[in-house]
Amino acid sequence: MSIKVVLPAAFVRHTDGQKQFASTAENLPGLIADIDQTFPALSTQIKDEGGKLRKFINIYVNEEDIRFLGGETYAFQDGDEVMLIPSIAGGSR
């Protein structure tokens, strides 16, 4: 089984220029562990000091928010496309 992980431009500098990569992770905790091993610089950007996924990181599976699919318990399916998207806030009038 393999999933495709797609990263926004903001994260590419932490992956030596890779915009996407394949993973055999079965679920979100497995994907985070995979990122820990493969891209430690990215890992520090998406996890807090306690090792939890930062609140401003949104995970989408096939363009659907993983929170609505069961969150960490969602079992990835072969061919799923997973996107890690940081929230963007700010601006002024």
Protein backbone atom coordinates (compact mmCIF):
# COMPACT_ATOMS: atom_id res chain seq x y z
CA MET A 1 0.00 0.00 0.00
CA SER A 2 1.23 3.49 -0.79
CA ILE A 3 -0.12 6.98 -0.27
CA LYS A 4 1.03 10.20 -1.92
CA VAL A 5 1.87 13.08 0.42
CA VAL A 6 1.70 16.55 -1.14
CA LEU A 7 3.35 19.55 0.50
CA PRO A 8 2.73 23.28 0.00
CA ALA A 9 5.58 25.58 -1.02
CA ALA A 10 5.99 26.73 2.60
CA PHE A 11 7.21 23.24 3.59
CA VAL A 12 9.38 22.42 0.58
CA ARG A 13 12.40 24.18 2.09
CA HIS A 14 12.30 21.57 4.87
CA THR A 15 12.30 18.61 2.45
CA ASP A 16 15.29 19.46 0.24
CA GLY A 17 12.93 20.70 -2.46
CA GLN A 18 10.60 17.70 -2.57
CA LYS A 19 7.01 18.78 -3.23
CA GLN A 20 5.62 15.29 -2.69
CA PHE A 21 6.69 11.88 -1.48
CA ALA A 22 5.29 8.39 -1.11
CA SER A 23 4.61 6.75 2.23
CA THR A 24 3.42 3.34 3.35
CA ALA A 25 1.92 4.75 6.57
CA GLU A 26 -1.37 3.16 7.58
CA ASN A 27 -2.70 6.18 9.48
CA LEU A 28 -1.82 9.71 10.59
CA PRO A 29 0.42 8.68 13.52
CA GLY A 30 2.31 6.41 11.12
CA LEU A 31 2.71 9.24 8.62
CA ILE A 32 4.03 11.57 11.32
CA ALA A 33 6.56 8.89 12.34
CA ASP A 34 7.55 8.50 8.68
CA ILE A 35 8.09 12.27 8.42
CA ASP A 36 10.15 12.18 11.65
CA GLN A 37 12.53 9.71 10.02
CA THR A 38 12.62 11.04 6.47
CA PHE A 39 12.36 14.81 6.97
CA PRO A 40 13.37 15.79 10.53
CA ALA A 41 13.42 19.50 9.59
CA LEU A 42 9.78 19.26 8.47
CA SER A 43 8.90 17.34 11.60
CA THR A 44 9.91 20.29 13.79
CA GLN A 45 7.62 22.55 11.76
CA ILE A 46 4.50 20.42 12.04
CA LYS A 47 4.85 19.14 15.63
CA ASP A 48 4.96 21.03 18.91
CA GLU A 49 7.46 20.48 21.74
CA GLY A 50 5.27 17.69 23.12
CA GLY A 51 5.35 15.76 19.84
CA LYS A 52 1.74 16.54 18.93
CA LEU A 53 0.66 17.85 15.55
CA ARG A 54 0.46 21.64 15.76
CA LYS A 55 -3.07 23.04 15.84
CA PHE A 56 -2.51 25.15 12.73
CA ILE A 57 -1.57 22.16 10.55
CA ASN A 58 -4.55 20.85 8.59
CA ILE A 59 -4.50 17.38 7.05
CA TYR A 60 -6.59 16.59 4.00
CA VAL A 61 -7.13 13.15 2.48
CA ASN A 62 -8.39 13.26 -1.08
CA GLU A 63 -9.37 16.91 -0.46
CA GLU A 64 -11.43 16.09 2.66
CA ASP A 65 -10.44 17.23 6.14
CA ILE A 66 -9.14 14.19 8.04
CA ARG A 67 -11.07 15.35 11.15
CA PHE A 68 -14.30 14.43 9.35
CA LEU A 69 -12.92 11.03 8.37
CA GLY A 70 -12.04 9.93 11.90
CA GLY A 71 -8.85 11.89 12.58
CA GLU A 72 -5.90 9.84 13.77
CA THR A 73 -7.92 6.63 13.54
CA TYR A 74 -8.60 7.01 9.81
CA ALA A 75 -6.93 4.15 7.92
CA PHE A 76 -5.28 5.37 4.73
CA GLN A 77 -6.29 3.53 1.57
CA ASP A 78 -3.93 2.61 -1.24
CA GLY A 79 -3.59 5.60 -3.54
CA ASP A 80 -4.87 8.21 -1.09
CA GLU A 81 -3.50 11.72 -1.61
CA VAL A 82 -2.67 13.38 1.69
CA MET A 83 -1.99 17.12 1.93
CA LEU A 84 -0.41 18.92 4.90
CA ILE A 85 -1.63 22.51 4.84
CA PRO A 86 -0.62 25.18 7.37
CA SER A 87 -3.38 27.61 8.33
CA ILE A 88 -2.84 31.15 7.19
CA ALA A 89 -4.11 34.06 9.25
CA GLY A 90 -3.63 37.73 9.45
CA GLY A 91 -4.18 40.71 7.25
CA SER A 92 -5.52 44.15 7.85
CA ARG A 93 -8.10 46.52 6.50
